[in-house]
Amino acid sequence: MTSSLRERLGRIFRNTPPDMQVAALCRNARDGKILLVTSRGTGRWIVPKGWPMPGKSLADAAAQEAWEEAGVRGRVAQTPIGTYSYEKQQDRGFAIPVDVRLFLLEVDELSDDFPEAEQRKRRWYTPERAAEMVAEKGLRKFLRSMPSGPGPQV
């Protein structure tokens, strides 16, 4: 694909409504730390996220992504706690706008045997440090607004 075609396609996609993803903000209820995982493509630090799933609520789809990407099981809030937007890079060389709905998931169990264990790293961070680690500006801003230490339960 030529760069001019890539630019034209990028302009077309930017003029359409954003797609929506769901994400799980996985929090340790005891100390308030946030679990980040690496993305498969770039290796950057992210929260587990993916596309809505037929037959699942948005919150339950976020919890499913947390299991697949981070080996997390827990209690997920059914109401989003925030949103952020980012540009999702496509294999074809352009990016599409995506709005992400963020659901709090209080971690009850962390397994070492999960579907994407061989493809990702995961690490716990304070909200302040997690904000420094992620690239998405909206997610960074949300993480910086979180209190340190334990928060309200789901």
C-alpha atoms as a PDB file:
ATOM      1  CA  MET A   1       0.000   0.000   0.000  1.00  0.00           C
ATOM      2  CA  THR A   2       1.382   3.389  -0.946  1.00  0.00           C
ATOM      3  CA  SER A   3       1.762   6.070   1.675  1.00  0.00           C
ATOM      4  CA  SER A   4      -0.751   8.378  -0.092  1.00  0.00           C
ATOM      5  CA  LEU A   5      -3.395   5.627  -0.091  1.00  0.00           C
ATOM      6  CA  ARG A   6      -2.616   4.934   3.564  1.00  0.00           C
ATOM      7  CA  GLU A   7      -3.079   8.631   4.371  1.00  0.00           C
ATOM      8  CA  ARG A   8      -6.403   8.799   2.468  1.00  0.00           C
ATOM      9  CA  LEU A   9      -7.703   5.702   4.243  1.00  0.00           C
ATOM     10  CA  GLY A  10      -6.616   7.155   7.570  1.00  0.00           C
ATOM     11  CA  ARG A  11      -8.573  10.353   6.861  1.00  0.00           C
ATOM     12  CA  ILE A  12     -11.652   8.340   5.901  1.00  0.00           C
ATOM     13  CA  PHE A  13     -11.535   6.295   9.095  1.00  0.00           C
ATOM     14  CA  ARG A  14     -10.943   9.363  11.276  1.00  0.00           C
ATOM     15  CA  ASN A  15     -14.202  10.846   9.973  1.00  0.00           C
ATOM     16  CA  THR A  16     -16.267   7.881  11.162  1.00  0.00           C
ATOM     17  CA  PRO A  17     -17.503   7.270  14.696  1.00  0.00           C
ATOM     18  CA  PRO A  18     -14.939   5.452  16.820  1.00  0.00           C
ATOM     19  CA  ASP A  19     -15.175   1.733  17.444  1.00  0.00           C
ATOM     20  CA  MET A  20     -15.678   0.648  21.051  1.00  0.00           C
ATOM     21  CA  GLN A  21     -13.587  -1.679  23.195  1.00  0.00           C
ATOM     22  CA  VAL A  22     -13.937  -2.745  26.808  1.00  0.00           C
ATOM     23  CA  ALA A  23     -11.129  -2.883  29.350  1.00  0.00           C
ATOM     24  CA  ALA A  24     -10.642  -4.274  32.835  1.00  0.00           C
ATOM     25  CA  LEU A  25      -8.855  -2.115  35.372  1.00  0.00           C
ATOM     26  CA  CYS A  26      -7.572  -4.991  37.532  1.00  0.00           C
ATOM     27  CA  ARG A  27      -7.024  -3.781  41.098  1.00  0.00           C
ATOM     28  CA  ASN A  28      -5.623  -5.537  44.145  1.00  0.00           C
ATOM     29  CA  ALA A  29      -8.185  -4.778  46.864  1.00  0.00           C
ATOM     30  CA  ARG A  30      -5.581  -5.053  49.652  1.00  0.00           C
ATOM     31  CA  ASP A  31      -3.075  -2.479  48.419  1.00  0.00           C
ATOM     32  CA  GLY A  32      -4.789  -0.707  45.499  1.00  0.00           C
ATOM     33  CA  LYS A  33      -2.127  -1.697  42.961  1.00  0.00           C
ATOM     34  CA  ILE A  34      -3.098  -1.984  39.294  1.00  0.00           C
ATOM     35  CA  LEU A  35      -2.164  -4.922  37.051  1.00  0.00           C
ATOM     36  CA  LEU A  36      -0.753  -4.020  33.640  1.00  0.00           C
ATOM     37  CA  VAL A  37       0.048  -6.427  30.810  1.00  0.00           C
ATOM     38  CA  THR A  38       2.159  -6.016  27.705  1.00  0.00           C
ATOM     39  CA  SER A  39       0.486  -5.793  24.331  1.00  0.00           C
ATOM     40  CA  ARG A  40       1.244  -8.616  21.923  1.00  0.00           C
ATOM     41  CA  GLY A  41       2.208  -6.363  19.029  1.00  0.00           C
ATOM     42  CA  THR A  42       4.371  -3.615  20.502  1.00  0.00           C
ATOM     43  CA  GLY A  43       5.116  -4.871  24.018  1.00  0.00           C
ATOM     44  CA  ARG A  44       3.905  -1.614  25.567  1.00  0.00           C
ATOM     45  CA  TRP A  45       2.100  -1.653  28.924  1.00  0.00           C
ATOM     46  CA  ILE A  46      -1.707  -1.666  28.753  1.00  0.00           C
ATOM     47  CA  VAL A  47      -4.762  -2.773  30.706  1.00  0.00           C
ATOM     48  CA  PRO A  48      -6.469  -5.961  29.439  1.00  0.00           C
ATOM     49  CA  LYS A  49      -8.935  -4.942  26.744  1.00  0.00           C
ATOM     50  CA  GLY A  50     -10.797  -6.198  23.721  1.00  0.00           C
ATOM     51  CA  TRP A  51     -13.970  -6.031  21.677  1.00  0.00           C
ATOM     52  CA  PRO A  52     -17.488  -6.533  23.070  1.00  0.00           C
ATOM     53  CA  MET A  53     -18.628 -10.175  22.924  1.00  0.00           C
ATOM     54  CA  PRO A  54     -22.022 -11.466  21.804  1.00  0.00           C
ATOM     55  CA  GLY A  55     -24.032 -12.814  24.731  1.00  0.00           C
ATOM     56  CA  LYS A  56     -21.919 -11.025  27.380  1.00  0.00           C
ATOM     57  CA  SER A  57     -22.437  -7.684  29.073  1.00  0.00           C
ATOM     58  CA  LEU A  58     -19.694  -5.131  28.401  1.00  0.00           C
ATOM     59  CA  ALA A  59     -18.388  -5.658  31.948  1.00  0.00           C
ATOM     60  CA  ASP A  60     -18.364  -9.445  31.557  1.00  0.00           C
ATOM     61  CA  ALA A  61     -16.502  -9.101  28.227  1.00  0.00           C
ATOM     62  CA  ALA A  62     -13.896  -6.958  30.035  1.00  0.00           C
ATOM     63  CA  ALA A  63     -13.595  -9.652  32.730  1.00  0.00           C
ATOM     64  CA  GLN A  64     -13.125 -12.292  30.001  1.00  0.00           C
ATOM     65  CA  GLU A  65     -10.318 -10.226  28.474  1.00  0.00           C
ATOM     66  CA  ALA A  66      -8.700  -9.962  31.928  1.00  0.00           C
ATOM     67  CA  TRP A  67      -8.708 -13.763  32.156  1.00  0.00           C
ATOM     68  CA  GLU A  68      -7.363 -14.332  28.636  1.00  0.00           C
ATOM     69  CA  GLU A  69      -4.666 -11.631  28.750  1.00  0.00           C
ATOM     70  CA  ALA A  70      -3.658 -11.590  32.432  1.00  0.00           C
ATOM     71  CA  GLY A  71      -4.929 -14.753  34.139  1.00  0.00           C
ATOM     72  CA  VAL A  72      -7.177 -12.704  36.431  1.00  0.00           C
ATOM     73  CA  ARG A  73     -10.460 -13.748  38.018  1.00  0.00           C
ATOM     74  CA  GLY A  74     -12.471 -11.465  40.236  1.00  0.00           C
ATOM     75  CA  ARG A  75     -15.509  -9.275  40.779  1.00  0.00           C
ATOM     76  CA  VAL A  76     -16.235  -6.826  37.982  1.00  0.00           C
ATOM     77  CA  ALA A  77     -18.364  -3.700  38.353  1.00  0.00           C
ATOM     78  CA  GLN A  78     -21.195  -3.669  35.800  1.00  0.00           C
ATOM     79  CA  THR A  79     -20.999   0.125  35.379  1.00  0.00           C
ATOM     80  CA  PRO A  80     -17.966   1.717  33.676  1.00  0.00           C
ATOM     81  CA  ILE A  81     -15.724   3.756  35.953  1.00  0.00           C
ATOM     82  CA  GLY A  82     -14.302   5.777  33.078  1.00  0.00           C
ATOM     83  CA  THR A  83     -13.534   6.015  29.396  1.00  0.00           C
ATOM     84  CA  TYR A  84     -10.547   6.890  27.263  1.00  0.00           C
ATOM     85  CA  SER A  85      -9.737   6.987  23.550  1.00  0.00           C
ATOM     86  CA  TYR A  86      -6.755   5.884  21.518  1.00  0.00           C
ATOM     87  CA  GLU A  87      -5.672   5.196  17.948  1.00  0.00           C
ATOM     88  CA  LYS A  88      -5.502   1.442  17.292  1.00  0.00           C
ATOM     89  CA  GLN A  89      -2.841   0.574  14.736  1.00  0.00           C
ATOM     90  CA  GLN A  90      -4.058  -1.767  12.005  1.00  0.00           C
ATOM     91  CA  ASP A  91      -1.997  -4.382  10.190  1.00  0.00           C
ATOM     92  CA  ARG A  92      -2.709  -2.511   6.957  1.00  0.00           C
ATOM     93  CA  GLY A  93      -0.664   0.497   8.100  1.00  0.00           C
ATOM     94  CA  PHE A  94      -3.256   2.951   9.385  1.00  0.00           C
ATOM     95  CA  ALA A  95      -4.926   3.604  12.721  1.00  0.00           C
ATOM     96  CA  ILE A  96      -8.584   3.702  13.693  1.00  0.00           C
ATOM     97  CA  PRO A  97     -10.061   5.691  16.587  1.00  0.00           C
ATOM     98  CA  VAL A  98     -11.307   3.536  19.466  1.00  0.00           C
ATOM     99  CA  ASP A  99     -13.261   4.558  22.555  1.00  0.00           C
ATOM    100  CA  VAL A 100     -12.614   2.294  25.548  1.00  0.00           C
ATOM    101  CA  ARG A 101     -15.034   1.748  28.421  1.00  0.00           C
ATOM    102  CA  LEU A 102     -13.136   0.931  31.595  1.00  0.00           C
ATOM    103  CA  PHE A 103     -14.562  -1.494  34.177  1.00  0.00           C
ATOM    104  CA  LEU A 104     -13.116  -1.989  37.664  1.00  0.00           C
ATOM    105  CA  LEU A 105     -12.251  -5.612  38.411  1.00  0.00           C
ATOM    106  CA  GLU A 106     -11.289  -6.498  41.993  1.00  0.00           C
ATOM    107  CA  VAL A 107      -8.800  -9.359  41.653  1.00  0.00           C
ATOM    108  CA  ASP A 108      -9.642 -12.482  43.667  1.00  0.00           C
ATOM    109  CA  GLU A 109      -7.360 -14.930  41.851  1.00  0.00           C
ATOM    110  CA  LEU A 110      -4.246 -14.694  39.695  1.00  0.00           C
ATOM    111  CA  SER A 111      -3.324 -17.785  37.678  1.00  0.00           C
ATOM    112  CA  ASP A 112      -0.022 -18.564  35.963  1.00  0.00           C
ATOM    113  CA  ASP A 113      -1.849 -20.800  33.478  1.00  0.00           C
ATOM    114  CA  PHE A 114      -4.025 -18.625  31.200  1.00  0.00           C
ATOM    115  CA  PRO A 115      -4.605 -18.440  27.421  1.00  0.00           C
ATOM    116  CA  GLU A 116      -2.043 -15.711  26.566  1.00  0.00           C
ATOM    117  CA  ALA A 117       0.547 -16.476  29.269  1.00  0.00           C
ATOM    118  CA  GLU A 118       3.288 -17.142  26.703  1.00  0.00           C
ATOM    119  CA  GLN A 119       2.554 -13.932  24.781  1.00  0.00           C
ATOM    120  CA  ARG A 120       2.439 -11.322  27.547  1.00  0.00           C
ATOM    121  CA  LYS A 121       4.162 -10.096  30.688  1.00  0.00           C
ATOM    122  CA  ARG A 122       2.192  -8.741  33.632  1.00  0.00           C
ATOM    123  CA  ARG A 123       3.156  -6.566  36.571  1.00  0.00           C
ATOM    124  CA  TRP A 124       1.545  -4.769  39.520  1.00  0.00           C
ATOM    125  CA  TYR A 125       2.027  -1.005  39.841  1.00  0.00           C
ATOM    126  CA  THR A 126       0.731   1.768  42.049  1.00  0.00           C
ATOM    127  CA  PRO A 127      -1.768   3.915  40.105  1.00  0.00           C
ATOM    128  CA  GLU A 128       0.849   6.694  39.869  1.00  0.00           C
ATOM    129  CA  ARG A 129       3.495   4.346  38.438  1.00  0.00           C
ATOM    130  CA  ALA A 130       0.947   2.646  36.133  1.00  0.00           C
ATOM    131  CA  ALA A 131       0.122   6.109  34.739  1.00  0.00           C
ATOM    132  CA  GLU A 132       3.796   6.564  33.864  1.00  0.00           C
ATOM    133  CA  MET A 133       3.915   3.171  32.142  1.00  0.00           C
ATOM    134  CA  VAL A 134       0.919   3.450  29.765  1.00  0.00           C
ATOM    135  CA  ALA A 135       0.987   5.354  26.481  1.00  0.00           C
ATOM    136  CA  GLU A 136      -2.704   6.265  26.153  1.00  0.00           C
ATOM    137  CA  LYS A 137      -3.167   9.830  27.433  1.00  0.00           C
ATOM    138  CA  GLY A 138      -6.749   9.303  28.603  1.00  0.00           C
ATOM    139  CA  LEU A 139      -5.850   6.160  30.541  1.00  0.00           C
ATOM    140  CA  ARG A 140      -2.833   7.930  32.027  1.00  0.00           C
ATOM    141  CA  LYS A 141      -5.065  10.801  33.194  1.00  0.00           C
ATOM    142  CA  PHE A 142      -7.582   8.367  34.708  1.00  0.00           C
ATOM    143  CA  LEU A 143      -4.872   6.445  36.585  1.00  0.00           C
ATOM    144  CA  ARG A 144      -3.419   9.679  37.979  1.00  0.00           C
ATOM    145  CA  SER A 145      -6.844  10.556  39.410  1.00  0.00           C
ATOM    146  CA  MET A 146      -7.079   7.285  41.361  1.00  0.00           C
ATOM    147  CA  PRO A 147      -6.348   7.304  45.082  1.00  0.00           C
ATOM    148  CA  SER A 148      -3.362   5.327  46.334  1.00  0.00           C
ATOM    149  CA  GLY A 149      -4.056   2.320  48.501  1.00  0.00           C
ATOM    150  CA  PRO A 150      -7.241   0.294  48.786  1.00  0.00           C
ATOM    151  CA  GLY A 151     -10.398   1.796  47.351  1.00  0.00           C
ATOM    152  CA  PRO A 152     -14.113   1.052  47.458  1.00  0.00           C
ATOM    153  CA  GLN A 153     -15.054  -2.567  46.804  1.00  0.00           C
ATOM    154  CA  VAL A 154     -17.001  -3.795  43.792  1.00  0.00           C
END
